[in-house]
Amino acid sequence: GEGDVGRISFVESVNILDATPSNLGHDATIVFFNDAERFTYAVPRDPVNFSSGILCCPNNYERHESLTEGVVRLTWLANYDRWANLDEGAYAAAKEALRDSMIERVRESIPTFTDHLVFTDMFTPRTVRQYTGHLNGAVYGSPRKRRDGRTPYENLFICGTDQGYLGIIGAMLSGITMANRHVLAKQ
């Protein structure tokens, strides 16, 4: 039903550098930031909620040997409707402005970021909808979680973000939880 359609979406950029973030003086792996008085995990009124987000530097993980270049990822909450209703020209301009805003935010943590920037790619909620088919460009599944994973069909169980956990680790934990509850408990 209508209440089962996810609403939380994001804009994100992946930036490739010719140096690692730690070589540029930034040693943190992941930084969750919030400049507002209160953090709000909700669909923003504006196209992007610039007050909070995530700055991630995968090179700074303990085991990053497979990365051959510097990588910086920046993520913010976004409003699908505001992105979906733009015509092509306005959409391209909004993405360019978003790129500039993201670069400025990264420069607060890595001042020489633009001197080492080789390539930037980004997605918006509109991109998520285009390539995944997810309604509202939703990333984290249904807002109505099914904690027990049950569906109307025998031996079909929901796991992952629709079951209640977030991210890759959450999806794996969800699968384990549902297997333990509905398969292994019967043996």
Protein backbone atom coordinates (compact mmCIF):
# COMPACT_ATOMS: atom_id res chain seq x y z
CA GLY A 1 0.00 0.00 0.00
CA GLU A 2 0.87 3.69 -0.03
CA GLY A 3 2.36 3.50 3.49
CA ASP A 4 4.78 0.80 2.32
CA VAL A 5 6.59 3.00 -0.21
CA GLY A 6 9.92 4.30 1.06
CA ARG A 7 10.65 8.02 1.07
CA ILE A 8 14.24 8.36 2.27
CA SER A 9 16.68 9.12 -0.53
CA PHE A 10 20.04 10.76 -0.95
CA VAL A 11 22.39 12.67 -3.18
CA GLU A 12 25.92 11.37 -3.19
CA SER A 13 29.19 12.11 -4.91
CA VAL A 14 32.16 9.83 -5.34
CA ASN A 15 35.32 11.81 -5.91
CA ILE A 16 38.55 10.34 -7.25
CA LEU A 17 41.80 12.01 -6.22
CA ASP A 18 45.41 11.69 -7.31
CA ALA A 19 46.39 11.39 -3.61
CA THR A 20 44.88 9.58 -0.64
CA PRO A 21 42.91 11.62 1.92
CA SER A 22 45.47 10.74 4.62
CA ASN A 23 48.27 12.11 2.42
CA LEU A 24 46.23 15.32 2.30
CA GLY A 25 45.98 15.45 6.10
CA HIS A 26 42.56 13.81 6.60
CA ASP A 27 42.85 10.56 8.59
CA ALA A 28 39.18 9.94 9.49
CA THR A 29 37.42 7.03 7.81
CA ILE A 30 33.87 8.29 8.17
CA VAL A 31 32.49 11.51 9.58
CA PHE A 32 28.80 12.01 10.29
CA PHE A 33 28.23 15.76 10.51
CA ASN A 34 25.32 17.94 11.57
CA ASP A 35 25.39 21.75 11.64
CA ALA A 36 21.74 22.14 12.67
CA GLU A 37 20.56 22.48 16.25
CA ARG A 38 18.77 19.14 15.88
CA PHE A 39 19.48 16.28 13.49
CA THR A 40 16.47 15.41 11.34
CA TYR A 41 16.33 12.02 9.59
CA ALA A 42 13.45 12.81 7.24
CA VAL A 43 12.74 13.87 3.68
CA PRO A 44 13.95 17.48 3.49
CA ARG A 45 11.73 20.30 2.21
CA ASP A 46 14.53 21.51 -0.06
CA PRO A 47 16.14 19.36 -2.76
CA VAL A 48 19.00 18.62 -0.34
CA ASN A 49 19.46 18.93 3.42
CA PHE A 50 22.88 20.56 3.50
CA SER A 51 22.94 20.76 7.31
CA SER A 52 23.92 17.13 7.85
CA GLY A 53 25.58 14.35 5.94
CA ILE A 54 28.37 11.82 5.73
CA LEU A 55 31.98 12.25 4.60
CA CYS A 56 33.59 8.86 3.91
CA CYS A 57 37.20 8.13 2.96
CA PRO A 58 37.49 4.40 2.11
CA ASN A 59 41.28 4.71 1.76
CA ASN A 60 41.44 5.30 5.50
CA TYR A 61 39.99 1.89 6.37
CA GLU A 62 42.59 -0.41 7.86
CA ARG A 63 42.62 -2.68 4.79
CA HIS A 64 42.49 -0.45 1.73
CA GLU A 65 45.31 -1.87 -0.38
CA SER A 66 43.01 -2.53 -3.35
CA LEU A 67 42.30 1.19 -3.87
CA THR A 68 44.70 2.60 -6.45
CA GLU A 69 43.57 6.22 -6.09
CA GLY A 70 42.17 8.46 -3.38
CA VAL A 71 38.41 8.20 -2.87
CA VAL A 72 36.14 10.63 -1.01
CA ARG A 73 32.39 10.06 -0.82
CA LEU A 74 29.89 12.66 0.42
CA THR A 75 26.23 11.89 1.12
CA TRP A 76 23.24 14.08 2.05
CA LEU A 77 19.51 13.46 2.52
CA ALA A 78 17.48 14.58 -0.50
CA ASN A 79 13.89 15.16 -1.63
CA TYR A 80 12.89 12.96 -4.57
CA ASP A 81 9.96 15.13 -5.70
CA ARG A 82 12.15 18.23 -5.93
CA TRP A 83 14.63 16.39 -8.19
CA ALA A 84 12.09 14.39 -10.21
CA ASN A 85 10.07 17.43 -11.26
CA LEU A 86 12.98 19.36 -12.82
CA ASP A 87 13.22 19.61 -16.59
CA GLU A 88 16.50 18.42 -18.13
CA GLY A 89 18.15 21.86 -18.18
CA ALA A 90 17.19 22.66 -14.60
CA TYR A 91 18.26 19.17 -13.51
CA ALA A 92 21.73 19.58 -15.05
CA ALA A 93 22.10 23.02 -13.42
CA ALA A 94 20.96 21.65 -10.04
CA LYS A 95 23.50 18.83 -10.25
CA GLU A 96 26.28 21.31 -11.06
CA ALA A 97 25.28 23.47 -8.07
CA LEU A 98 25.15 20.34 -5.93
CA ARG A 99 28.64 19.36 -7.07
CA ASP A 100 29.94 22.81 -6.08
CA SER A 101 28.26 22.58 -2.65
CA MET A 102 29.71 19.13 -2.06
CA ILE A 103 33.20 20.29 -3.04
CA GLU A 104 32.97 23.23 -0.63
CA ARG A 105 31.92 20.89 2.18
CA VAL A 106 34.84 18.53 1.53
CA ARG A 107 37.26 21.47 1.48
CA GLU A 108 36.31 22.19 5.11
CA SER A 109 37.96 18.85 6.00
CA ILE A 110 40.50 18.59 3.17
CA PRO A 111 41.54 22.15 2.16
CA THR A 112 43.58 21.02 -0.88
CA PHE A 113 40.81 18.71 -2.16
CA THR A 114 40.25 20.56 -5.46
CA ASP A 115 44.00 20.58 -6.22
CA HIS A 116 43.91 16.77 -6.30
CA LEU A 117 40.43 16.14 -7.76
CA VAL A 118 40.58 13.96 -10.88
CA PHE A 119 36.95 12.88 -11.36
CA THR A 120 33.55 13.26 -9.73
CA ASP A 121 30.45 11.17 -10.24
CA MET A 122 27.19 11.66 -8.41
CA PHE A 123 23.68 10.43 -8.07
CA THR A 124 20.41 12.03 -7.04
CA PRO A 125 17.10 10.46 -6.03
CA ARG A 126 16.15 10.72 -9.70
CA THR A 127 19.18 8.57 -10.59
CA VAL A 128 18.16 5.97 -8.01
CA ARG A 129 14.66 5.80 -9.54
CA GLN A 130 16.06 5.59 -13.08
CA TYR A 131 18.45 2.71 -12.45
CA THR A 132 16.73 0.73 -9.69
CA GLY A 133 13.05 1.41 -10.29
CA HIS A 134 12.65 2.27 -6.58
CA LEU A 135 9.62 4.50 -6.11
CA ASN A 136 10.51 7.94 -4.71
CA GLY A 137 14.17 7.13 -5.34
CA ALA A 138 14.00 5.34 -1.99
CA VAL A 139 17.20 3.81 -0.74
CA TYR A 140 16.15 2.27 2.57
CA GLY A 141 13.01 0.34 1.68
CA SER A 142 9.56 0.48 3.18
CA PRO A 143 8.93 2.77 6.15
CA ARG A 144 6.60 0.04 7.50
CA LYS A 145 9.10 -2.54 8.70
CA ARG A 146 8.18 -6.19 9.06
CA ARG A 147 10.30 -7.18 12.03
CA ASP A 148 9.35 -10.85 11.77
CA GLY A 149 9.89 -10.83 7.99
CA ARG A 150 6.56 -12.54 7.31
CA THR A 151 4.65 -12.07 4.05
CA PRO A 152 1.24 -13.41 2.99
CA TYR A 153 3.06 -16.27 1.22
CA GLU A 154 4.25 -19.42 2.93
CA ASN A 155 8.05 -19.66 3.12
CA LEU A 156 8.62 -16.21 1.60
CA PHE A 157 10.25 -13.83 4.09
CA ILE A 158 11.40 -10.24 3.76
CA CYS A 159 14.96 -9.40 4.79
CA GLY A 160 17.16 -6.36 4.41
CA THR A 161 15.98 -2.78 4.64
CA ASP A 162 12.28 -3.69 4.40
CA GLN A 163 12.72 -5.95 7.41
CA GLY A 164 14.32 -3.27 9.54
CA TYR A 165 18.09 -3.09 9.20
CA LEU A 166 20.07 -0.51 7.20
CA GLY A 167 23.04 -0.79 4.87
CA ILE A 168 25.05 -3.76 3.70
CA ILE A 169 25.82 -5.02 7.19
CA GLY A 170 22.17 -4.57 8.18
CA ALA A 171 21.02 -6.55 5.14
CA MET A 172 23.39 -9.38 6.03
CA LEU A 173 22.27 -9.37 9.68
CA SER A 174 18.67 -9.31 8.54
CA GLY A 175 19.21 -12.38 6.35
CA ILE A 176 20.88 -14.22 9.23
CA THR A 177 18.10 -13.23 11.61
CA MET A 178 15.37 -14.41 9.23
CA ALA A 179 17.21 -17.69 8.50
CA ASN A 180 17.64 -18.34 12.22
CA ARG A 181 14.02 -17.49 12.99
CA HIS A 182 12.24 -19.18 10.10
CA VAL A 183 14.53 -21.94 8.82
CA LEU A 184 16.95 -23.09 11.48
CA ALA A 185 14.40 -22.84 14.32
CA LYS A 186 12.29 -25.49 12.50
CA GLN A 187 15.18 -27.97 12.29
